């Protein structure tokens, strides 16, 4: 046997040994499914993947990890394997600690009514007894708050026919739930809300009327003079909300290559106003003095 043959044999053995050691060192993994039926209002990692982790505490933590709102009825959505890896990394779980394998993406659908009831029963069994007893001991109140009567998808504007006032038992009364219909109707859903669920303040917002990259006419008042300039919106905003704007053709200045930017309050579709008379709005257009009343002589 030549020296070259012996060298190749030793090298092959080292490679096999290294691969075996790596496989043994990383046995914890999350195996993504190809499809999943979600019965709750939130998608958890245990719904879309098999958690093959030896540490039972970490396995339970991963199973209950919340990923996103559940899809509405007659609606499906997807999560990719890279989405799962990014979520785990953001929660402090590295790929060296737990690897993500399986399908490249998982298709999620909402469960039927019966499956949702069964899912709620299973979830209730997982709640520790001390948690239930501590909630019972606390004083509870009954509030009348707005509930949706159908599945409302993210981005939909809530109509009067979509909601009704129902009683809700809470531990303490606060502003988490709107208690009047006018505070809900006409608002835009920030996430999918399942039918018969109460509407929280985090579920709704003013409808977006200015979107990113829209051209916005910005007005500023300086005494009896109005300055007007067309700017480019850098974010989405609803009525009376602040939107950041910059010139359509920005000019860079300074060592940091900064661009002129400021915030304005949206007053209507494609319109905003600078709050405070001290804010300067540079413009290449002539100033427009306010019309003065005519004096008959």
C-alpha atoms as a PDB file:
ATOM      1  CA  UNK A   1       0.000   0.000   0.000  1.00  0.00           C
ATOM      2  CA  UNK A   2       1.448   3.330  -1.049  1.00  0.00           C
ATOM      3  CA  UNK A   3       1.753   6.416   1.132  1.00  0.00           C
ATOM      4  CA  UNK A   4      -0.830   8.248  -1.015  1.00  0.00           C
ATOM      5  CA  UNK A   5      -3.376   5.455  -0.503  1.00  0.00           C
ATOM      6  CA  UNK A   6      -2.834   5.491   3.272  1.00  0.00           C
ATOM      7  CA  UNK A   7      -3.197   9.287   3.341  1.00  0.00           C
ATOM      8  CA  UNK A   8      -6.502   9.182   1.440  1.00  0.00           C
ATOM      9  CA  UNK A   9      -7.851   6.471   3.735  1.00  0.00           C
ATOM     10  CA  UNK A  10      -6.974   8.464   6.864  1.00  0.00           C
ATOM     11  CA  UNK A  11      -8.505  11.622   5.411  1.00  0.00           C
ATOM     12  CA  UNK A  12     -11.769   9.800   4.585  1.00  0.00           C
ATOM     13  CA  UNK A  13     -11.948   8.382   8.108  1.00  0.00           C
ATOM     14  CA  UNK A  14     -11.471  11.866   9.597  1.00  0.00           C
ATOM     15  CA  UNK A  15     -14.241  13.308   7.428  1.00  0.00           C
ATOM     16  CA  UNK A  16     -16.670  10.545   8.435  1.00  0.00           C
ATOM     17  CA  UNK A  17     -15.743  11.007  12.108  1.00  0.00           C
ATOM     18  CA  UNK A  18     -16.289  14.786  11.892  1.00  0.00           C
ATOM     19  CA  UNK A  19     -19.695  14.350  10.245  1.00  0.00           C
ATOM     20  CA  UNK A  20     -20.757  11.811  12.854  1.00  0.00           C
ATOM     21  CA  UNK A  21     -19.655  14.111  15.684  1.00  0.00           C
ATOM     22  CA  UNK A  22     -21.611  17.023  14.219  1.00  0.00           C
ATOM     23  CA  UNK A  23     -24.741  14.894  13.829  1.00  0.00           C
ATOM     24  CA  UNK A  24     -24.463  13.688  17.413  1.00  0.00           C
ATOM     25  CA  UNK A  25     -23.820  17.196  18.754  1.00  0.00           C
ATOM     26  CA  UNK A  26     -26.933  18.641  17.094  1.00  0.00           C
ATOM     27  CA  UNK A  27     -29.846  16.307  17.703  1.00  0.00           C
ATOM     28  CA  UNK A  28     -32.394  19.017  18.584  1.00  0.00           C
ATOM     29  CA  UNK A  29     -34.412  20.116  15.593  1.00  0.00           C
ATOM     30  CA  UNK A  30     -37.692  21.638  14.473  1.00  0.00           C
ATOM     31  CA  UNK A  31     -39.183  19.768  11.513  1.00  0.00           C
ATOM     32  CA  UNK A  32     -41.505  21.977   9.471  1.00  0.00           C
ATOM     33  CA  UNK A  33     -44.724  20.399   8.152  1.00  0.00           C
ATOM     34  CA  UNK A  34     -46.080  20.835   4.631  1.00  0.00           C
ATOM     35  CA  UNK A  35     -49.530  21.924   5.853  1.00  0.00           C
ATOM     36  CA  UNK A  36     -51.288  22.661   9.139  1.00  0.00           C
ATOM     37  CA  UNK A  37     -54.801  23.319  10.466  1.00  0.00           C
ATOM     38  CA  UNK A  38     -54.844  26.123  13.062  1.00  0.00           C
ATOM     39  CA  UNK A  39     -57.645  26.049  15.613  1.00  0.00           C
ATOM     40  CA  UNK A  40     -56.803  29.059  17.775  1.00  0.00           C
ATOM     41  CA  UNK A  41     -56.503  32.770  17.094  1.00  0.00           C
ATOM     42  CA  UNK A  42     -52.693  32.559  16.987  1.00  0.00           C
ATOM     43  CA  UNK A  43     -50.320  30.299  15.069  1.00  0.00           C
ATOM     44  CA  UNK A  44     -47.835  28.578  17.375  1.00  0.00           C
ATOM     45  CA  UNK A  45     -44.670  26.766  16.380  1.00  0.00           C
ATOM     46  CA  UNK A  46     -46.130  23.473  17.604  1.00  0.00           C
ATOM     47  CA  UNK A  47     -48.989  23.883  15.115  1.00  0.00           C
ATOM     48  CA  UNK A  48     -46.725  23.986  12.062  1.00  0.00           C
ATOM     49  CA  UNK A  49     -43.735  21.868  13.079  1.00  0.00           C
ATOM     50  CA  UNK A  50     -42.712  18.753  14.979  1.00  0.00           C
ATOM     51  CA  UNK A  51     -40.548  19.779  17.957  1.00  0.00           C
ATOM     52  CA  UNK A  52     -37.813  17.163  18.324  1.00  0.00           C
ATOM     53  CA  UNK A  53     -35.947  18.594  21.318  1.00  0.00           C
ATOM     54  CA  UNK A  54     -34.600  16.602  24.260  1.00  0.00           C
ATOM     55  CA  UNK A  55     -34.915  19.319  26.926  1.00  0.00           C
ATOM     56  CA  UNK A  56     -38.573  19.187  27.967  1.00  0.00           C
ATOM     57  CA  UNK A  57     -38.627  22.852  29.089  1.00  0.00           C
ATOM     58  CA  UNK A  58     -37.226  24.068  25.784  1.00  0.00           C
ATOM     59  CA  UNK A  59     -39.555  21.715  23.919  1.00  0.00           C
ATOM     60  CA  UNK A  60     -42.585  23.177  25.727  1.00  0.00           C
ATOM     61  CA  UNK A  61     -41.336  26.728  25.114  1.00  0.00           C
ATOM     62  CA  UNK A  62     -40.906  26.091  21.401  1.00  0.00           C
ATOM     63  CA  UNK A  63     -44.289  24.385  21.086  1.00  0.00           C
ATOM     64  CA  UNK A  64     -46.095  27.401  22.593  1.00  0.00           C
ATOM     65  CA  UNK A  65     -44.018  30.032  20.756  1.00  0.00           C
ATOM     66  CA  UNK A  66     -46.414  32.461  19.005  1.00  0.00           C
ATOM     67  CA  UNK A  67     -45.614  33.155  15.359  1.00  0.00           C
ATOM     68  CA  UNK A  68     -48.474  35.197  13.845  1.00  0.00           C
ATOM     69  CA  UNK A  69     -52.288  35.665  13.872  1.00  0.00           C
ATOM     70  CA  UNK A  70     -54.204  32.649  12.580  1.00  0.00           C
ATOM     71  CA  UNK A  71     -55.693  32.852   9.077  1.00  0.00           C
ATOM     72  CA  UNK A  72     -59.382  33.622   8.761  1.00  0.00           C
ATOM     73  CA  UNK A  73     -62.083  31.260   7.514  1.00  0.00           C
ATOM     74  CA  UNK A  74     -61.765  30.322   3.828  1.00  0.00           C
ATOM     75  CA  UNK A  75     -58.311  31.835   3.816  1.00  0.00           C
ATOM     76  CA  UNK A  76     -54.845  30.298   3.825  1.00  0.00           C
ATOM     77  CA  UNK A  77     -51.370  31.677   4.336  1.00  0.00           C
ATOM     78  CA  UNK A  78     -47.790  30.442   4.312  1.00  0.00           C
ATOM     79  CA  UNK A  79     -44.680  30.453   6.467  1.00  0.00           C
ATOM     80  CA  UNK A  80     -41.323  29.566   4.935  1.00  0.00           C
ATOM     81  CA  UNK A  81     -38.464  27.716   6.572  1.00  0.00           C
ATOM     82  CA  UNK A  82     -36.453  30.950   6.499  1.00  0.00           C
ATOM     83  CA  UNK A  83     -39.298  32.732   8.332  1.00  0.00           C
ATOM     84  CA  UNK A  84     -39.083  30.139  11.123  1.00  0.00           C
ATOM     85  CA  UNK A  85     -35.297  30.455  11.309  1.00  0.00           C
ATOM     86  CA  UNK A  86     -35.539  34.237  11.516  1.00  0.00           C
ATOM     87  CA  UNK A  87     -38.182  34.086  14.281  1.00  0.00           C
ATOM     88  CA  UNK A  88     -36.096  31.637  16.329  1.00  0.00           C
ATOM     89  CA  UNK A  89     -32.978  33.774  15.887  1.00  0.00           C
ATOM     90  CA  UNK A  90     -34.921  36.864  17.012  1.00  0.00           C
ATOM     91  CA  UNK A  91     -36.019  34.956  20.151  1.00  0.00           C
ATOM     92  CA  UNK A  92     -32.400  34.099  20.967  1.00  0.00           C
ATOM     93  CA  UNK A  93     -32.380  30.483  19.695  1.00  0.00           C
ATOM     94  CA  UNK A  94     -29.483  29.954  17.287  1.00  0.00           C
ATOM     95  CA  UNK A  95     -29.283  27.410  14.483  1.00  0.00           C
ATOM     96  CA  UNK A  96     -26.429  25.706  16.351  1.00  0.00           C
ATOM     97  CA  UNK A  97     -28.759  25.120  19.293  1.00  0.00           C
ATOM     98  CA  UNK A  98     -31.843  24.010  17.341  1.00  0.00           C
ATOM     99  CA  UNK A  99     -31.814  23.333  13.613  1.00  0.00           C
ATOM    100  CA  UNK A 100     -34.856  23.896  11.384  1.00  0.00           C
ATOM    101  CA  UNK A 101     -35.493  21.204   8.775  1.00  0.00           C
ATOM    102  CA  UNK A 102     -38.406  19.683   6.893  1.00  0.00           C
ATOM    103  CA  UNK A 103     -40.597  21.359   4.293  1.00  0.00           C
ATOM    104  CA  UNK A 104     -39.475  24.590   2.639  1.00  0.00           C
ATOM    105  CA  UNK A 105     -42.823  26.161   3.541  1.00  0.00           C
ATOM    106  CA  UNK A 106     -45.988  25.244   5.434  1.00  0.00           C
ATOM    107  CA  UNK A 107     -49.513  26.080   4.247  1.00  0.00           C
ATOM    108  CA  UNK A 108     -51.864  27.097   7.084  1.00  0.00           C
ATOM    109  CA  UNK A 109     -55.654  27.014   7.071  1.00  0.00           C
ATOM    110  CA  UNK A 110     -58.266  27.881   9.683  1.00  0.00           C
ATOM    111  CA  UNK A 111     -59.900  24.965  11.485  1.00  0.00           C
ATOM    112  CA  UNK A 112     -63.617  24.237  11.412  1.00  0.00           C
ATOM    113  CA  UNK A 113     -65.868  25.285  14.288  1.00  0.00           C
ATOM    114  CA  UNK A 114     -65.739  21.813  15.873  1.00  0.00           C
ATOM    115  CA  UNK A 115     -61.954  21.647  15.549  1.00  0.00           C
ATOM    116  CA  UNK A 116     -61.672  25.119  17.111  1.00  0.00           C
ATOM    117  CA  UNK A 117     -63.743  23.990  20.121  1.00  0.00           C
ATOM    118  CA  UNK A 118     -61.575  20.898  20.538  1.00  0.00           C
ATOM    119  CA  UNK A 119     -58.422  23.023  20.251  1.00  0.00           C
ATOM    120  CA  UNK A 120     -59.685  25.376  22.976  1.00  0.00           C
ATOM    121  CA  UNK A 121     -60.390  22.398  25.256  1.00  0.00           C
ATOM    122  CA  UNK A 122     -56.888  21.018  24.753  1.00  0.00           C
ATOM    123  CA  UNK A 123     -55.345  24.442  25.388  1.00  0.00           C
ATOM    124  CA  UNK A 124     -57.330  24.848  28.600  1.00  0.00           C
ATOM    125  CA  UNK A 125     -55.933  21.573  29.911  1.00  0.00           C
ATOM    126  CA  UNK A 126     -52.395  22.910  29.446  1.00  0.00           C
ATOM    127  CA  UNK A 127     -53.011  25.924  31.740  1.00  0.00           C
ATOM    128  CA  UNK A 128     -51.376  25.353  35.183  1.00  0.00           C
ATOM    129  CA  UNK A 129     -53.792  25.050  38.096  1.00  0.00           C
ATOM    130  CA  UNK A 130     -52.123  27.904  39.994  1.00  0.00           C
ATOM    131  CA  UNK A 131     -52.835  30.246  37.064  1.00  0.00           C
ATOM    132  CA  UNK A 132     -56.541  29.406  37.071  1.00  0.00           C
ATOM    133  CA  UNK A 133     -56.868  29.762  40.829  1.00  0.00           C
ATOM    134  CA  UNK A 134     -55.049  33.114  40.861  1.00  0.00           C
ATOM    135  CA  UNK A 135     -57.448  34.503  38.264  1.00  0.00           C
ATOM    136  CA  UNK A 136     -60.509  33.312  40.173  1.00  0.00           C
ATOM    137  CA  UNK A 137     -59.303  35.043  43.326  1.00  0.00           C
ATOM    138  CA  UNK A 138     -59.032  38.414  41.571  1.00  0.00           C
ATOM    139  CA  UNK A 139     -62.138  40.616  41.357  1.00  0.00           C
ATOM    140  CA  UNK A 140     -63.788  40.569  37.950  1.00  0.00           C
ATOM    141  CA  UNK A 141     -65.969  43.079  36.167  1.00  0.00           C
ATOM    142  CA  UNK A 142     -68.402  42.900  33.256  1.00  0.00           C
ATOM    143  CA  UNK A 143     -67.915  45.376  30.399  1.00  0.00           C
ATOM    144  CA  UNK A 144     -70.042  45.872  27.308  1.00  0.00           C
ATOM    145  CA  UNK A 145     -67.608  46.032  24.392  1.00  0.00           C
ATOM    146  CA  UNK A 146     -67.685  45.648  20.622  1.00  0.00           C
ATOM    147  CA  UNK A 147     -67.427  42.116  19.169  1.00  0.00           C
ATOM    148  CA  UNK A 148     -67.092  41.169  15.512  1.00  0.00           C
ATOM    149  CA  UNK A 149     -69.892  38.970  14.165  1.00  0.00           C
ATOM    150  CA  UNK A 150     -67.816  37.614  11.261  1.00  0.00           C
ATOM    151  CA  UNK A 151     -64.169  36.999  10.432  1.00  0.00           C
ATOM    152  CA  UNK A 152     -62.541  40.348   9.671  1.00  0.00           C
ATOM    153  CA  UNK A 153     -59.304  40.180   7.744  1.00  0.00           C
ATOM    154  CA  UNK A 154     -56.331  42.415   8.226  1.00  0.00           C
ATOM    155  CA  UNK A 155     -56.687  45.634   6.241  1.00  0.00           C
ATOM    156  CA  UNK A 156     -60.501  45.538   6.098  1.00  0.00           C
ATOM    157  CA  UNK A 157     -62.465  48.601   7.196  1.00  0.00           C
ATOM    158  CA  UNK A 158     -64.977  47.591   9.872  1.00  0.00           C
ATOM    159  CA  UNK A 159     -68.607  48.388   9.013  1.00  0.00           C
ATOM    160  CA  UNK A 160     -71.561  48.818  11.381  1.00  0.00           C
ATOM    161  CA  UNK A 161     -72.970  45.460  10.245  1.00  0.00           C
ATOM    162  CA  UNK A 162     -69.722  43.718  11.258  1.00  0.00           C
ATOM    163  CA  UNK A 163     -69.983  44.443  15.003  1.00  0.00           C
ATOM    164  CA  UNK A 164     -72.374  44.322  17.912  1.00  0.00           C
ATOM    165  CA  UNK A 165     -72.076  45.161  21.606  1.00  0.00           C
ATOM    166  CA  UNK A 166     -71.743  42.199  23.965  1.00  0.00           C
ATOM    167  CA  UNK A 167     -70.755  41.659  27.575  1.00  0.00           C
ATOM    168  CA  UNK A 168     -67.171  40.703  28.390  1.00  0.00           C
ATOM    169  CA  UNK A 169     -65.780  39.616  31.758  1.00  0.00           C
ATOM    170  CA  UNK A 170     -62.456  41.254  32.592  1.00  0.00           C
ATOM    171  CA  UNK A 171     -60.182  41.303  35.630  1.00  0.00           C
ATOM    172  CA  UNK A 172     -60.003  45.089  35.691  1.00  0.00           C
ATOM    173  CA  UNK A 173     -61.657  47.822  33.682  1.00  0.00           C
ATOM    174  CA  UNK A 174     -59.287  49.655  31.345  1.00  0.00           C
ATOM    175  CA  UNK A 175     -59.078  51.122  27.858  1.00  0.00           C
ATOM    176  CA  UNK A 176     -57.975  47.891  26.157  1.00  0.00           C
ATOM    177  CA  UNK A 177     -61.418  47.395  24.614  1.00  0.00           C
ATOM    178  CA  UNK A 178     -63.461  50.146  22.914  1.00  0.00           C
ATOM    179  CA  UNK A 179     -66.801  50.464  24.704  1.00  0.00           C
ATOM    180  CA  UNK A 180     -68.669  52.398  21.982  1.00  0.00           C
ATOM    181  CA  UNK A 181     -69.477  51.505  18.388  1.00  0.00           C
ATOM    182  CA  UNK A 182     -68.316  54.855  17.009  1.00  0.00           C
ATOM    183  CA  UNK A 183     -64.811  54.030  18.264  1.00  0.00           C
ATOM    184  CA  UNK A 184     -64.767  50.896  16.092  1.00  0.00           C
ATOM    185  CA  UNK A 185     -66.880  51.485  12.982  1.00  0.00           C
ATOM    186  CA  UNK A 186     -64.826  52.949  10.159  1.00  0.00           C
ATOM    187  CA  UNK A 187     -61.527  51.770  11.615  1.00  0.00           C
ATOM    188  CA  UNK A 188     -59.108  49.454   9.786  1.00  0.00           C
ATOM    189  CA  UNK A 189     -58.208  46.028  11.214  1.00  0.00           C
ATOM    190  CA  UNK A 190     -54.487  45.715  11.967  1.00  0.00           C
ATOM    191  CA  UNK A 191     -54.747  41.910  12.068  1.00  0.00           C
ATOM    192  CA  UNK A 192     -57.276  39.180  11.350  1.00  0.00           C
ATOM    193  CA  UNK A 193     -60.030  39.067  14.002  1.00  0.00           C
ATOM    194  CA  UNK A 194     -61.975  35.821  14.332  1.00  0.00           C
ATOM    195  CA  UNK A 195     -65.769  35.926  14.523  1.00  0.00           C
ATOM    196  CA  UNK A 196     -67.325  36.484  17.979  1.00  0.00           C
ATOM    197  CA  UNK A 197     -64.066  37.870  19.367  1.00  0.00           C
ATOM    198  CA  UNK A 198     -63.934  41.196  21.256  1.00  0.00           C
ATOM    199  CA  UNK A 199     -62.137  44.018  19.480  1.00  0.00           C
ATOM    200  CA  UNK A 200     -59.151  45.387  21.382  1.00  0.00           C
ATOM    201  CA  UNK A 201     -57.564  48.772  20.841  1.00  0.00           C
ATOM    202  CA  UNK A 202     -54.537  47.052  19.279  1.00  0.00           C
ATOM    203  CA  UNK A 203     -56.760  45.384  16.661  1.00  0.00           C
ATOM    204  CA  UNK A 204     -57.805  48.609  14.924  1.00  0.00           C
ATOM    205  CA  UNK A 205     -56.382  51.857  13.594  1.00  0.00           C
ATOM    206  CA  UNK A 206     -57.401  54.781  11.435  1.00  0.00           C
ATOM    207  CA  UNK A 207     -57.716  53.727   7.760  1.00  0.00           C
ATOM    208  CA  UNK A 208     -54.570  54.395   5.760  1.00  0.00           C
ATOM    209  CA  UNK A 209     -55.151  57.260   3.330  1.00  0.00           C
ATOM    210  CA  UNK A 210     -51.489  58.109   2.677  1.00  0.00           C
ATOM    211  CA  UNK A 211     -49.198  55.278   1.677  1.00  0.00           C
ATOM    212  CA  UNK A 212     -45.466  54.994   1.393  1.00  0.00           C
ATOM    213  CA  UNK A 213     -44.086  56.597  -1.803  1.00  0.00           C
ATOM    214  CA  UNK A 214     -47.285  58.621  -2.339  1.00  0.00           C
ATOM    215  CA  UNK A 215     -46.887  62.253  -3.394  1.00  0.00           C
ATOM    216  CA  UNK A 216     -48.269  64.433  -0.591  1.00  0.00           C
ATOM    217  CA  UNK A 217     -49.021  68.151  -0.721  1.00  0.00           C
ATOM    218  CA  UNK A 218     -47.634  69.608   2.508  1.00  0.00           C
ATOM    219  CA  UNK A 219     -48.861  72.976   3.817  1.00  0.00           C
ATOM    220  CA  UNK A 220     -47.212  75.186   6.423  1.00  0.00           C
ATOM    221  CA  UNK A 221     -48.539  78.451   7.893  1.00  0.00           C
ATOM    222  CA  UNK A 222     -46.169  81.353   8.509  1.00  0.00           C
ATOM    223  CA  UNK A 223     -48.219  84.302   9.697  1.00  0.00           C
ATOM    224  CA  UNK A 224     -50.599  85.264   6.918  1.00  0.00           C
ATOM    225  CA  UNK A 225     -48.629  83.249   4.357  1.00  0.00           C
ATOM    226  CA  UNK A 226     -49.195  79.628   3.359  1.00  0.00           C
ATOM    227  CA  UNK A 227     -46.274  77.629   2.012  1.00  0.00           C
ATOM    228  CA  UNK A 228     -47.110  74.631  -0.140  1.00  0.00           C
ATOM    229  CA  UNK A 229     -44.784  71.920  -1.387  1.00  0.00           C
ATOM    230  CA  UNK A 230     -45.169  68.460  -2.872  1.00  0.00           C
ATOM    231  CA  UNK A 231     -43.244  65.847  -0.880  1.00  0.00           C
ATOM    232  CA  UNK A 232     -42.760  62.084  -0.918  1.00  0.00           C
ATOM    233  CA  UNK A 233     -44.309  60.018   1.899  1.00  0.00           C
ATOM    234  CA  UNK A 234     -41.868  57.653   3.642  1.00  0.00           C
ATOM    235  CA  UNK A 235     -44.496  55.704   5.609  1.00  0.00           C
ATOM    236  CA  UNK A 236     -48.195  54.816   5.786  1.00  0.00           C
ATOM    237  CA  UNK A 237     -50.525  57.027   7.816  1.00  0.00           C
ATOM    238  CA  UNK A 238     -54.200  57.539   8.535  1.00  0.00           C
ATOM    239  CA  UNK A 239     -56.272  60.647   9.178  1.00  0.00           C
ATOM    240  CA  UNK A 240     -54.665  62.961  11.789  1.00  0.00           C
ATOM    241  CA  UNK A 241     -51.624  60.682  12.056  1.00  0.00           C
ATOM    242  CA  UNK A 242     -48.049  61.821  11.491  1.00  0.00           C
ATOM    243  CA  UNK A 243     -46.245  60.876   8.301  1.00  0.00           C
ATOM    244  CA  UNK A 244     -42.563  61.392   7.555  1.00  0.00           C
ATOM    245  CA  UNK A 245     -41.880  63.127   4.241  1.00  0.00           C
ATOM    246  CA  UNK A 246     -38.929  64.171   2.124  1.00  0.00           C
ATOM    247  CA  UNK A 247     -38.499  66.059  -1.172  1.00  0.00           C
ATOM    248  CA  UNK A 248     -39.377  64.156  -4.344  1.00  0.00           C
ATOM    249  CA  UNK A 249     -35.895  64.911  -5.652  1.00  0.00           C
ATOM    250  CA  UNK A 250     -33.854  65.067  -2.438  1.00  0.00           C
ATOM    251  CA  UNK A 251     -30.641  67.031  -2.205  1.00  0.00           C
ATOM    252  CA  UNK A 252     -27.930  65.507  -0.017  1.00  0.00           C
ATOM    253  CA  UNK A 253     -25.824  67.695   2.207  1.00  0.00           C
ATOM    254  CA  UNK A 254     -23.215  67.276   4.919  1.00  0.00           C
ATOM    255  CA  UNK A 255     -20.634  64.579   5.404  1.00  0.00           C
ATOM    256  CA  UNK A 256     -23.300  62.068   6.413  1.00  0.00           C
ATOM    257  CA  UNK A 257     -25.168  62.636   3.133  1.00  0.00           C
ATOM    258  CA  UNK A 258     -28.284  63.625   5.028  1.00  0.00           C
ATOM    259  CA  UNK A 259     -31.598  64.274   3.320  1.00  0.00           C
ATOM    260  CA  UNK A 260     -34.149  66.890   4.342  1.00  0.00           C
ATOM    261  CA  UNK A 261     -36.923  65.075   6.225  1.00  0.00           C
ATOM    262  CA  UNK A 262     -39.641  66.070   8.674  1.00  0.00           C
ATOM    263  CA  UNK A 263     -43.057  64.994   9.933  1.00  0.00           C
ATOM    264  CA  UNK A 264     -46.448  66.382   8.975  1.00  0.00           C
ATOM    265  CA  UNK A 265     -49.992  65.589  10.108  1.00  0.00           C
ATOM    266  CA  UNK A 266     -52.292  63.989   7.541  1.00  0.00           C
ATOM    267  CA  UNK A 267     -55.404  66.098   6.949  1.00  0.00           C
ATOM    268  CA  UNK A 268     -56.875  64.217   3.984  1.00  0.00           C
ATOM    269  CA  UNK A 269     -56.004  61.984   1.021  1.00  0.00           C
ATOM    270  CA  UNK A 270     -52.690  63.234  -0.340  1.00  0.00           C
ATOM    271  CA  UNK A 271     -52.578  66.228   2.015  1.00  0.00           C
ATOM    272  CA  UNK A 272     -50.757  67.051   5.242  1.00  0.00           C
ATOM    273  CA  UNK A 273     -49.916  70.086   7.352  1.00  0.00           C
ATOM    274  CA  UNK A 274     -46.825  71.004   9.342  1.00  0.00           C
ATOM    275  CA  UNK A 275     -47.684  71.473  13.013  1.00  0.00           C
ATOM    276  CA  UNK A 276     -46.309  74.599  14.676  1.00  0.00           C
ATOM    277  CA  UNK A 277     -45.504  77.851  12.930  1.00  0.00           C
ATOM    278  CA  UNK A 278     -41.818  77.620  13.867  1.00  0.00           C
ATOM    279  CA  UNK A 279     -41.243  74.692  11.482  1.00  0.00           C
ATOM    280  CA  UNK A 280     -39.651  75.816   8.234  1.00  0.00           C
ATOM    281  CA  UNK A 281     -40.616  74.093   4.987  1.00  0.00           C
ATOM    282  CA  UNK A 282     -38.061  74.897   2.257  1.00  0.00           C
ATOM    283  CA  UNK A 283     -39.712  75.350  -1.121  1.00  0.00           C
ATOM    284  CA  UNK A 284     -38.785  76.142  -4.667  1.00  0.00           C
ATOM    285  CA  UNK A 285     -42.274  77.405  -5.391  1.00  0.00           C
ATOM    286  CA  UNK A 286     -43.338  81.032  -4.793  1.00  0.00           C
ATOM    287  CA  UNK A 287     -45.101  81.859  -1.570  1.00  0.00           C
ATOM    288  CA  UNK A 288     -48.848  82.209  -1.751  1.00  0.00           C
ATOM    289  CA  UNK A 289     -50.100  85.144   0.356  1.00  0.00           C
ATOM    290  CA  UNK A 290     -53.542  84.795   1.795  1.00  0.00           C
ATOM    291  CA  UNK A 291     -56.180  86.767  -0.154  1.00  0.00           C
ATOM    292  CA  UNK A 292     -56.772  90.244   1.306  1.00  0.00           C
ATOM    293  CA  UNK A 293     -60.259  91.807   1.365  1.00  0.00           C
ATOM    294  CA  UNK A 294     -60.862  94.539  -1.204  1.00  0.00           C
ATOM    295  CA  UNK A 295     -61.418  98.065   0.123  1.00  0.00           C
ATOM    296  CA  UNK A 296     -63.833 100.288  -1.800  1.00  0.00           C
ATOM    297  CA  UNK A 297     -62.693 103.881  -1.935  1.00  0.00           C
END
